[in-house]
Full PDB file with SEQRES, HELIX, SHEET, SSBOND, CRYST1, ORIGX, SCALE, CONECT and MASTER records, all heavy atoms in Angstrom:
SEQRES   1 A   35  ALA ALA SER LEU ARG GLU ARG ILE GLY SER ASP ALA VAL          
SEQRES   2 A   35  TRP ILE THR ASP ASP GLU GLY LYS LEU TYR ALA ASP THR          
SEQRES   3 A   35  SER ARG SER LEU ARG ARG GLY ALA ASP                          
HELIX    1 AA1 ALA A    2  ILE A    8  1                                   7    
SHEET    1 AA1 2 TRP A  14  THR A  16  0                                        
SHEET    2 AA1 2 LEU A  22  ASP A  25 -1                                        
CRYST1    1.000    1.000    1.000  90.00  90.00  90.00 P 1           1          
ORIGX1      1.000000  0.000000  0.000000        0.00000                         
ORIGX2      0.000000  1.000000  0.000000        0.00000                         
ORIGX3      0.000000  0.000000  1.000000        0.00000                         
SCALE1      1.000000  0.000000  0.000000        0.00000                         
SCALE2      0.000000  1.000000  0.000000        0.00000                         
SCALE3      0.000000  0.000000  1.000000        0.00000                         
ATOM      1  N   ALA A   1       7.161  -5.228   0.880  1.00  0.00           N  
ATOM      2  CA  ALA A   1       6.725  -4.312   1.943  1.00  0.00           C  
ATOM      3  C   ALA A   1       7.311  -4.730   3.288  1.00  0.00           C  
ATOM      4  O   ALA A   1       7.797  -3.887   4.054  1.00  0.00           O  
ATOM      5  CB  ALA A   1       5.202  -4.269   2.017  1.00  0.00           C  
ATOM      6  N   ALA A   2       7.279  -6.020   3.586  1.00  0.00           N  
ATOM      7  CA  ALA A   2       7.830  -6.511   4.851  1.00  0.00           C  
ATOM      8  C   ALA A   2       9.330  -6.239   4.927  1.00  0.00           C  
ATOM      9  O   ALA A   2       9.847  -5.816   5.968  1.00  0.00           O  
ATOM     10  CB  ALA A   2       7.545  -7.994   5.007  1.00  0.00           C  
ATOM     11  N   SER A   3      10.026  -6.439   3.830  1.00  0.00           N  
ATOM     12  CA  SER A   3      11.460  -6.160   3.784  1.00  0.00           C  
ATOM     13  C   SER A   3      11.739  -4.673   3.981  1.00  0.00           C  
ATOM     14  O   SER A   3      12.649  -4.293   4.717  1.00  0.00           O  
ATOM     15  CB  SER A   3      12.034  -6.637   2.449  1.00  0.00           C  
ATOM     16  OG  SER A   3      13.371  -6.243   2.317  1.00  0.00           O  
ATOM     17  N   LEU A   4      10.937  -3.832   3.341  1.00  0.00           N  
ATOM     18  CA  LEU A   4      11.122  -2.388   3.470  1.00  0.00           C  
ATOM     19  C   LEU A   4      10.867  -1.916   4.896  1.00  0.00           C  
ATOM     20  O   LEU A   4      11.582  -1.058   5.413  1.00  0.00           O  
ATOM     21  CB  LEU A   4      10.194  -1.639   2.512  1.00  0.00           C  
ATOM     22  CG  LEU A   4      10.498  -1.797   1.031  1.00  0.00           C  
ATOM     23  CD1 LEU A   4       9.406  -1.142   0.195  1.00  0.00           C  
ATOM     24  CD2 LEU A   4      11.849  -1.214   0.689  1.00  0.00           C  
ATOM     25  N   ARG A   5       9.861  -2.489   5.552  1.00  0.00           N  
ATOM     26  CA  ARG A   5       9.567  -2.112   6.943  1.00  0.00           C  
ATOM     27  C   ARG A   5      10.776  -2.380   7.829  1.00  0.00           C  
ATOM     28  O   ARG A   5      11.148  -1.556   8.661  1.00  0.00           O  
ATOM     29  CB  ARG A   5       8.344  -2.873   7.455  1.00  0.00           C  
ATOM     30  CG  ARG A   5       7.905  -2.409   8.854  1.00  0.00           C  
ATOM     31  CD  ARG A   5       6.771  -3.251   9.391  1.00  0.00           C  
ATOM     32  NE  ARG A   5       7.128  -4.629   9.628  1.00  0.00           N  
ATOM     33  CZ  ARG A   5       7.858  -5.062  10.654  1.00  0.00           C  
ATOM     34  NH1 ARG A   5       8.315  -4.219  11.549  1.00  0.00           N  
ATOM     35  NH2 ARG A   5       8.129  -6.337  10.790  1.00  0.00           N  
ATOM     36  N   GLU A   6      11.402  -3.519   7.625  1.00  0.00           N  
ATOM     37  CA  GLU A   6      12.598  -3.858   8.395  1.00  0.00           C  
ATOM     38  C   GLU A   6      13.747  -2.897   8.080  1.00  0.00           C  
ATOM     39  O   GLU A   6      14.459  -2.455   8.971  1.00  0.00           O  
ATOM     40  CB  GLU A   6      13.023  -5.304   8.131  1.00  0.00           C  
ATOM     41  CG  GLU A   6      12.054  -6.334   8.654  1.00  0.00           C  
ATOM     42  CD  GLU A   6      11.894  -6.272  10.159  1.00  0.00           C  
ATOM     43  OE1 GLU A   6      12.891  -6.090  10.881  1.00  0.00           O  
ATOM     44  OE2 GLU A   6      10.733  -6.397  10.618  1.00  0.00           O  
ATOM     45  N   ARG A   7      13.941  -2.589   6.807  1.00  0.00           N  
ATOM     46  CA  ARG A   7      15.037  -1.705   6.399  1.00  0.00           C  
ATOM     47  C   ARG A   7      14.865  -0.297   6.951  1.00  0.00           C  
ATOM     48  O   ARG A   7      15.832   0.344   7.348  1.00  0.00           O  
ATOM     49  CB  ARG A   7      15.157  -1.666   4.874  1.00  0.00           C  
ATOM     50  CG  ARG A   7      15.703  -2.963   4.312  1.00  0.00           C  
ATOM     51  CD  ARG A   7      15.651  -3.030   2.811  1.00  0.00           C  
ATOM     52  NE  ARG A   7      16.383  -1.996   2.129  1.00  0.00           N  
ATOM     53  CZ  ARG A   7      16.317  -1.773   0.828  1.00  0.00           C  
ATOM     54  NH1 ARG A   7      15.531  -2.526   0.078  1.00  0.00           N  
ATOM     55  NH2 ARG A   7      17.019  -0.818   0.265  1.00  0.00           N  
ATOM     56  N   ILE A   8      13.630   0.202   6.978  1.00  0.00           N  
ATOM     57  CA  ILE A   8      13.360   1.547   7.479  1.00  0.00           C  
ATOM     58  C   ILE A   8      13.336   1.570   9.006  1.00  0.00           C  
ATOM     59  O   ILE A   8      13.677   2.558   9.629  1.00  0.00           O  
ATOM     60  CB  ILE A   8      11.999   2.056   6.947  1.00  0.00           C  
ATOM     61  CG1 ILE A   8      12.051   2.254   5.441  1.00  0.00           C  
ATOM     62  CG2 ILE A   8      11.594   3.361   7.610  1.00  0.00           C  
ATOM     63  CD1 ILE A   8      10.700   2.596   4.822  1.00  0.00           C  
ATOM     64  N   GLY A   9      12.924   0.455   9.615  1.00  0.00           N  
ATOM     65  CA  GLY A   9      12.768   0.436  11.063  1.00  0.00           C  
ATOM     66  C   GLY A   9      11.449   1.067  11.487  1.00  0.00           C  
ATOM     67  O   GLY A   9      11.322   1.574  12.597  1.00  0.00           O  
ATOM     68  N   SER A  10      10.470   1.051  10.589  1.00  0.00           N  
ATOM     69  CA  SER A  10       9.172   1.655  10.905  1.00  0.00           C  
ATOM     70  C   SER A  10       8.238   0.607  11.489  1.00  0.00           C  
ATOM     71  O   SER A  10       8.529  -0.587  11.478  1.00  0.00           O  
ATOM     72  CB  SER A  10       8.558   2.266   9.646  1.00  0.00           C  
ATOM     73  OG  SER A  10       8.238   1.272   8.712  1.00  0.00           O  
ATOM     74  N   ASP A  11       7.101   1.072  11.984  1.00  0.00           N  
ATOM     75  CA  ASP A  11       6.101   0.153  12.522  1.00  0.00           C  
ATOM     76  C   ASP A  11       5.244  -0.464  11.425  1.00  0.00           C  
ATOM     77  O   ASP A  11       4.672  -1.539  11.618  1.00  0.00           O  
ATOM     78  CB  ASP A  11       5.197   0.879  13.527  1.00  0.00           C  
ATOM     79  CG  ASP A  11       5.949   1.287  14.783  1.00  0.00           C  
ATOM     80  OD1 ASP A  11       6.811   0.512  15.237  1.00  0.00           O  
ATOM     81  OD2 ASP A  11       5.687   2.389  15.303  1.00  0.00           O  
ATOM     82  N   ALA A  12       5.119   0.238  10.302  1.00  0.00           N  
ATOM     83  CA  ALA A  12       4.283  -0.289   9.218  1.00  0.00           C  
ATOM     84  C   ALA A  12       4.703   0.313   7.886  1.00  0.00           C  
ATOM     85  O   ALA A  12       5.258   1.409   7.834  1.00  0.00           O  
ATOM     86  CB  ALA A  12       2.811   0.012   9.476  1.00  0.00           C  
ATOM     87  N   VAL A  13       4.423  -0.433   6.824  1.00  0.00           N  
ATOM     88  CA  VAL A  13       4.623   0.030   5.445  1.00  0.00           C  
ATOM     89  C   VAL A  13       3.360  -0.314   4.673  1.00  0.00           C  
ATOM     90  O   VAL A  13       2.783  -1.393   4.860  1.00  0.00           O  
ATOM     91  CB  VAL A  13       5.857  -0.637   4.786  1.00  0.00           C  
ATOM     92  CG1 VAL A  13       5.852  -0.453   3.284  1.00  0.00           C  
ATOM     93  CG2 VAL A  13       7.139  -0.085   5.375  1.00  0.00           C  
ATOM     94  N   TRP A  14       2.929   0.625   3.849  1.00  0.00           N  
ATOM     95  CA  TRP A  14       1.786   0.412   2.965  1.00  0.00           C  
ATOM     96  C   TRP A  14       2.237   0.689   1.546  1.00  0.00           C  
ATOM     97  O   TRP A  14       2.945   1.650   1.289  1.00  0.00           O  
ATOM     98  CB  TRP A  14       0.628   1.359   3.306  1.00  0.00           C  
ATOM     99  CG  TRP A  14       0.169   1.226   4.717  1.00  0.00           C  
ATOM    100  CD1 TRP A  14      -0.789   0.385   5.194  1.00  0.00           C  
ATOM    101  CD2 TRP A  14       0.641   1.957   5.844  1.00  0.00           C  
ATOM    102  NE1 TRP A  14      -0.937   0.544   6.544  1.00  0.00           N  
ATOM    103  CE2 TRP A  14      -0.058   1.510   6.973  1.00  0.00           C  
ATOM    104  CE3 TRP A  14       1.618   2.948   6.026  1.00  0.00           C  
ATOM    105  CZ2 TRP A  14       0.140   2.003   8.247  1.00  0.00           C  
ATOM    106  CZ3 TRP A  14       1.836   3.452   7.290  1.00  0.00           C  
ATOM    107  CH2 TRP A  14       1.098   2.975   8.389  1.00  0.00           C  
ATOM    108  N   ILE A  15       1.819  -0.159   0.623  1.00  0.00           N  
ATOM    109  CA  ILE A  15       2.123   0.042  -0.796  1.00  0.00           C  
ATOM    110  C   ILE A  15       0.792   0.033  -1.535  1.00  0.00           C  
ATOM    111  O   ILE A  15      -0.035  -0.863  -1.336  1.00  0.00           O  
ATOM    112  CB  ILE A  15       3.060  -1.055  -1.333  1.00  0.00           C  
ATOM    113  CG1 ILE A  15       4.399  -1.020  -0.577  1.00  0.00           C  
ATOM    114  CG2 ILE A  15       3.288  -0.872  -2.832  1.00  0.00           C  
ATOM    115  CD1 ILE A  15       5.352  -2.140  -0.921  1.00  0.00           C  
ATOM    116  N   THR A  16       0.591   1.055  -2.354  1.00  0.00           N  
ATOM    117  CA  THR A  16      -0.661   1.162  -3.106  1.00  0.00           C  
ATOM    118  C   THR A  16      -0.381   1.142  -4.602  1.00  0.00           C  
ATOM    119  O   THR A  16       0.767   1.266  -5.035  1.00  0.00           O  
ATOM    120  CB  THR A  16      -1.401   2.484  -2.798  1.00  0.00           C  
ATOM    121  OG1 THR A  16      -0.726   3.572  -3.427  1.00  0.00           O  
ATOM    122  CG2 THR A  16      -1.507   2.732  -1.302  1.00  0.00           C  
ATOM    123  N   ASP A  17      -1.458   1.048  -5.362  1.00  0.00           N  
ATOM    124  CA  ASP A  17      -1.340   1.209  -6.810  1.00  0.00           C  
ATOM    125  C   ASP A  17      -1.376   2.702  -7.138  1.00  0.00           C  
ATOM    126  O   ASP A  17      -1.351   3.542  -6.227  1.00  0.00           O  
ATOM    127  CB  ASP A  17      -2.437   0.425  -7.539  1.00  0.00           C  
ATOM    128  CG  ASP A  17      -3.844   0.951  -7.276  1.00  0.00           C  
ATOM    129  OD1 ASP A  17      -4.014   2.048  -6.713  1.00  0.00           O  
ATOM    130  OD2 ASP A  17      -4.801   0.247  -7.658  1.00  0.00           O  
ATOM    131  N   ASP A  18      -1.474   3.017  -8.412  1.00  0.00           N  
ATOM    132  CA  ASP A  18      -1.409   4.421  -8.829  1.00  0.00           C  
ATOM    133  C   ASP A  18      -2.683   5.214  -8.525  1.00  0.00           C  
ATOM    134  O   ASP A  18      -2.736   6.418  -8.747  1.00  0.00           O  
ATOM    135  CB  ASP A  18      -1.074   4.525 -10.321  1.00  0.00           C  
ATOM    136  CG  ASP A  18      -2.088   3.825 -11.198  1.00  0.00           C  
ATOM    137  OD1 ASP A  18      -2.892   3.017 -10.690  1.00  0.00           O  
ATOM    138  OD2 ASP A  18      -2.072   4.090 -12.418  1.00  0.00           O  
ATOM    139  N   GLU A  19      -3.692   4.565  -7.956  1.00  0.00           N  
ATOM    140  CA  GLU A  19      -4.921   5.263  -7.546  1.00  0.00           C  
ATOM    141  C   GLU A  19      -5.089   5.305  -6.036  1.00  0.00           C  
ATOM    142  O   GLU A  19      -6.082   5.809  -5.531  1.00  0.00           O  
ATOM    143  CB  GLU A  19      -6.141   4.588  -8.184  1.00  0.00           C  
ATOM    144  CG  GLU A  19      -6.165   4.707  -9.693  1.00  0.00           C  
ATOM    145  CD  GLU A  19      -7.357   3.982 -10.301  1.00  0.00           C  
ATOM    146  OE1 GLU A  19      -8.121   3.308  -9.553  1.00  0.00           O  
ATOM    147  OE2 GLU A  19      -7.530   4.101 -11.523  1.00  0.00           O  
ATOM    148  N   GLY A  20      -4.132   4.727  -5.309  1.00  0.00           N  
ATOM    149  CA  GLY A  20      -4.206   4.710  -3.851  1.00  0.00           C  
ATOM    150  C   GLY A  20      -4.870   3.481  -3.266  1.00  0.00           C  
ATOM    151  O   GLY A  20      -5.112   3.407  -2.070  1.00  0.00           O  
ATOM    152  N   LYS A  21      -5.135   2.474  -4.121  1.00  0.00           N  
ATOM    153  CA  LYS A  21      -5.720   1.215  -3.643  1.00  0.00           C  
ATOM    154  C   LYS A  21      -4.597   0.336  -3.087  1.00  0.00           C  
ATOM    155  O   LYS A  21      -3.552   0.169  -3.703  1.00  0.00           O  
ATOM    156  CB  LYS A  21      -6.440   0.472  -4.760  1.00  0.00           C  
ATOM    157  CG  LYS A  21      -7.526   1.274  -5.427  1.00  0.00           C  
ATOM    158  CD  LYS A  21      -8.761   1.337  -4.582  1.00  0.00           C  
ATOM    159  CE  LYS A  21      -9.908   1.911  -5.370  1.00  0.00           C  
ATOM    160  NZ  LYS A  21     -10.465   3.114  -4.830  1.00  0.00           N  
ATOM    161  N   LEU A  22      -4.842  -0.234  -1.924  1.00  0.00           N  
ATOM    162  CA  LEU A  22      -3.823  -0.951  -1.178  1.00  0.00           C  
ATOM    163  C   LEU A  22      -3.426  -2.279  -1.813  1.00  0.00           C  
ATOM    164  O   LEU A  22      -4.279  -3.105  -2.134  1.00  0.00           O  
ATOM    165  CB  LEU A  22      -4.336  -1.203   0.244  1.00  0.00           C  
ATOM    166  CG  LEU A  22      -3.337  -1.740   1.245  1.00  0.00           C  
ATOM    167  CD1 LEU A  22      -2.229  -0.712   1.503  1.00  0.00           C  
ATOM    168  CD2 LEU A  22      -4.033  -2.075   2.541  1.00  0.00           C  
ATOM    169  N   TYR A  23      -2.101  -2.459  -2.001  1.00  0.00           N  
ATOM    170  CA  TYR A  23      -1.529  -3.741  -2.400  1.00  0.00           C  
ATOM    171  C   TYR A  23      -1.044  -4.506  -1.174  1.00  0.00           C  
ATOM    172  O   TYR A  23      -1.241  -5.700  -1.057  1.00  0.00           O  
ATOM    173  CB  TYR A  23      -0.310  -3.543  -3.309  1.00  0.00           C  
ATOM    174  CG  TYR A  23      -0.599  -3.448  -4.771  1.00  0.00           C  
ATOM    175  CD1 TYR A  23      -0.097  -2.378  -5.505  1.00  0.00           C  
ATOM    176  CD2 TYR A  23      -1.324  -4.410  -5.442  1.00  0.00           C  
ATOM    177  CE1 TYR A  23      -0.329  -2.280  -6.866  1.00  0.00           C  
ATOM    178  CE2 TYR A  23      -1.566  -4.319  -6.793  1.00  0.00           C  
ATOM    179  CZ  TYR A  23      -1.071  -3.245  -7.505  1.00  0.00           C  
ATOM    180  OH  TYR A  23      -1.307  -3.141  -8.840  1.00  0.00           O  
ATOM    181  N   ALA A  24      -0.335  -3.789  -0.285  1.00  0.00           N  
ATOM    182  CA  ALA A  24       0.292  -4.459   0.853  1.00  0.00           C  
ATOM    183  C   ALA A  24       0.227  -3.571   2.087  1.00  0.00           C  
ATOM    184  O   ALA A  24       0.372  -2.355   1.995  1.00  0.00           O  
ATOM    185  CB  ALA A  24       1.751  -4.787   0.531  1.00  0.00           C  
ATOM    186  N   ASP A  25       0.032  -4.221   3.240  1.00  0.00           N  
ATOM    187  CA  ASP A  25      -0.086  -3.528   4.521  1.00  0.00           C  
ATOM    188  C   ASP A  25       0.597  -4.375   5.579  1.00  0.00           C  
ATOM    189  O   ASP A  25       0.069  -5.417   5.965  1.00  0.00           O  
ATOM    190  CB  ASP A  25      -1.563  -3.322   4.860  1.00  0.00           C  
ATOM    191  CG  ASP A  25      -1.792  -2.825   6.279  1.00  0.00           C  
ATOM    192  OD1 ASP A  25      -0.851  -2.326   6.905  1.00  0.00           O  
ATOM    193  OD2 ASP A  25      -2.937  -2.940   6.758  1.00  0.00           O  
ATOM    194  N   THR A  26       1.757  -3.954   6.045  1.00  0.00           N  
ATOM    195  CA  THR A  26       2.464  -4.745   7.052  1.00  0.00           C  
ATOM    196  C   THR A  26       1.857  -4.596   8.440  1.00  0.00           C  
ATOM    197  O   THR A  26       2.189  -5.364   9.327  1.00  0.00           O  
ATOM    198  CB  THR A  26       3.968  -4.390   7.109  1.00  0.00           C  
ATOM    199  OG1 THR A  26       4.111  -3.037   7.544  1.00  0.00           O  
ATOM    200  CG2 THR A  26       4.647  -4.610   5.777  1.00  0.00           C  
ATOM    201  N   SER A  27       0.959  -3.623   8.639  1.00  0.00           N  
ATOM    202  CA  SER A  27       0.281  -3.499   9.941  1.00  0.00           C  
ATOM    203  C   SER A  27      -0.838  -4.527  10.061  1.00  0.00           C  
ATOM    204  O   SER A  27      -1.347  -4.770  11.149  1.00  0.00           O  
ATOM    205  CB  SER A  27      -0.298  -2.087  10.129  1.00  0.00           C  
ATOM    206  OG  SER A  27      -1.454  -1.894   9.338  1.00  0.00           O  
ATOM    207  N   ARG A  28      -1.233  -5.103   8.951  1.00  0.00           N  
ATOM    208  CA  ARG A  28      -2.274  -6.129   8.868  1.00  0.00           C  
ATOM    209  C   ARG A  28      -3.624  -5.654   9.403  1.00  0.00           C  
ATOM    210  O   ARG A  28      -4.407  -6.441   9.902  1.00  0.00           O  
ATOM    211  CB  ARG A  28      -1.836  -7.396   9.586  1.00  0.00           C  
ATOM    212  CG  ARG A  28      -0.621  -7.989   8.950  1.00  0.00           C  
ATOM    213  CD  ARG A  28      -0.265  -9.307   9.489  1.00  0.00           C  
ATOM    214  NE  ARG A  28       0.856  -9.790   8.709  1.00  0.00           N  
ATOM    215  CZ  ARG A  28       1.703 -10.673   9.124  1.00  0.00           C  
ATOM    216  NH1 ARG A  28       1.559 -11.210  10.297  1.00  0.00           N  
ATOM    217  NH2 ARG A  28       2.687 -11.053   8.355  1.00  0.00           N  
ATOM    218  N   SER A  29      -3.873  -4.357   9.260  1.00  0.00           N  
ATOM    219  CA  SER A  29      -5.152  -3.835   9.740  1.00  0.00           C  
ATOM    220  C   SER A  29      -6.113  -3.495   8.610  1.00  0.00           C  
ATOM    221  O   SER A  29      -7.286  -3.259   8.856  1.00  0.00           O  
ATOM    222  CB  SER A  29      -4.929  -2.609  10.623  1.00  0.00           C  
ATOM    223  OG  SER A  29      -4.274  -1.587   9.901  1.00  0.00           O  
ATOM    224  N   LEU A  30      -5.613  -3.485   7.370  1.00  0.00           N  
ATOM    225  CA  LEU A  30      -6.453  -3.149   6.225  1.00  0.00           C  
ATOM    226  C   LEU A  30      -6.457  -4.297   5.225  1.00  0.00           C  
ATOM    227  O   LEU A  30      -5.483  -5.049   5.133  1.00  0.00           O  
ATOM    228  CB  LEU A  30      -5.935  -1.888   5.538  1.00  0.00           C  
ATOM    229  CG  LEU A  30      -5.877  -0.619   6.395  1.00  0.00           C  
ATOM    230  CD1 LEU A  30      -5.216   0.504   5.616  1.00  0.00           C  
ATOM    231  CD2 LEU A  30      -7.260  -0.216   6.855  1.00  0.00           C  
ATOM    232  N   ARG A  31      -7.504  -4.381   4.456  1.00  0.00           N  
ATOM    233  CA  ARG A  31      -7.587  -5.412   3.421  1.00  0.00           C  
ATOM    234  C   ARG A  31      -7.010  -4.900   2.116  1.00  0.00           C  
ATOM    235  O   ARG A  31      -7.074  -3.714   1.814  1.00  0.00           O  
ATOM    236  CB  ARG A  31      -9.031  -5.804   3.185  1.00  0.00           C  
ATOM    237  CG  ARG A  31      -9.604  -6.560   4.332  1.00  0.00           C  
ATOM    238  CD  ARG A  31     -10.919  -7.108   3.965  1.00  0.00           C  
ATOM    239  NE  ARG A  31     -11.291  -8.048   5.022  1.00  0.00           N  
ATOM    240  CZ  ARG A  31     -12.394  -8.706   5.020  1.00  0.00           C  
ATOM    241  NH1 ARG A  31     -13.256  -8.562   4.052  1.00  0.00           N  
ATOM    242  NH2 ARG A  31     -12.674  -9.524   6.004  1.00  0.00           N  
ATOM    243  N   ARG A  32      -6.503  -5.835   1.337  1.00  0.00           N  
ATOM    244  CA  ARG A  32      -6.008  -5.498   0.005  1.00  0.00           C  
ATOM    245  C   ARG A  32      -7.131  -4.815  -0.760  1.00  0.00           C  
ATOM    246  O   ARG A  32      -8.284  -5.229  -0.705  1.00  0.00           O  
ATOM    247  CB  ARG A  32      -5.550  -6.758  -0.718  1.00  0.00           C  
ATOM    248  CG  ARG A  32      -4.874  -6.460  -2.034  1.00  0.00           C  
ATOM    249  CD  ARG A  32      -4.302  -7.741  -2.631  1.00  0.00           C  
ATOM    250  NE  ARG A  32      -3.432  -7.459  -3.740  1.00  0.00           N  
ATOM    251  CZ  ARG A  32      -3.847  -7.256  -4.991  1.00  0.00           C  
ATOM    252  NH1 ARG A  32      -5.113  -7.283  -5.273  1.00  0.00           N  
ATOM    253  NH2 ARG A  32      -2.977  -7.012  -5.939  1.00  0.00           N  
ATOM    254  N   GLY A  33      -6.804  -3.734  -1.436  1.00  0.00           N  
ATOM    255  CA  GLY A  33      -7.794  -2.989  -2.197  1.00  0.00           C  
ATOM    256  C   GLY A  33      -8.415  -1.830  -1.429  1.00  0.00           C  
ATOM    257  O   GLY A  33      -9.154  -1.038  -2.004  1.00  0.00           O  
ATOM    258  N   ALA A  34      -8.121  -1.706  -0.124  1.00  0.00           N  
ATOM    259  CA  ALA A  34      -8.651  -0.582   0.656  1.00  0.00           C  
ATOM    260  C   ALA A  34      -8.195   0.725   0.019  1.00  0.00           C  
ATOM    261  O   ALA A  34      -7.100   0.816  -0.538  1.00  0.00           O  
ATOM    262  CB  ALA A  34      -8.181  -0.669   2.101  1.00  0.00           C  
ATOM    263  N   ASP A  35      -9.017   1.735   0.098  1.00  0.00           N  
ATOM    264  CA  ASP A  35      -8.726   3.024  -0.535  1.00  0.00           C  
ATOM    265  C   ASP A  35      -7.977   3.941   0.428  1.00  0.00           C  
ATOM    266  O   ASP A  35      -8.587   4.563   1.291  1.00  0.00           O  
ATOM    267  CB  ASP A  35     -10.029   3.686  -0.990  1.00  0.00           C  
ATOM    268  CG  ASP A  35      -9.778   4.958  -1.783  1.00  0.00           C  
ATOM    269  OD1 ASP A  35      -8.621   5.231  -2.155  1.00  0.00           O  
ATOM    270  OD2 ASP A  35     -10.768   5.672  -2.025  1.00  0.00           O  
TER     271      ASP A  35                                                      
MASTER        0    0    0    1    2    0    0    6  270    1    0    3          
END                                                                             
């Protein structure tokens, strides 16, 4: 996620599982597993 944020040039990247539960958050504002 951190690598992708740099490649895109965005402020944040979020990666979820297939139900929308958070795996990674480069903004560091949400906890892993957030819906």
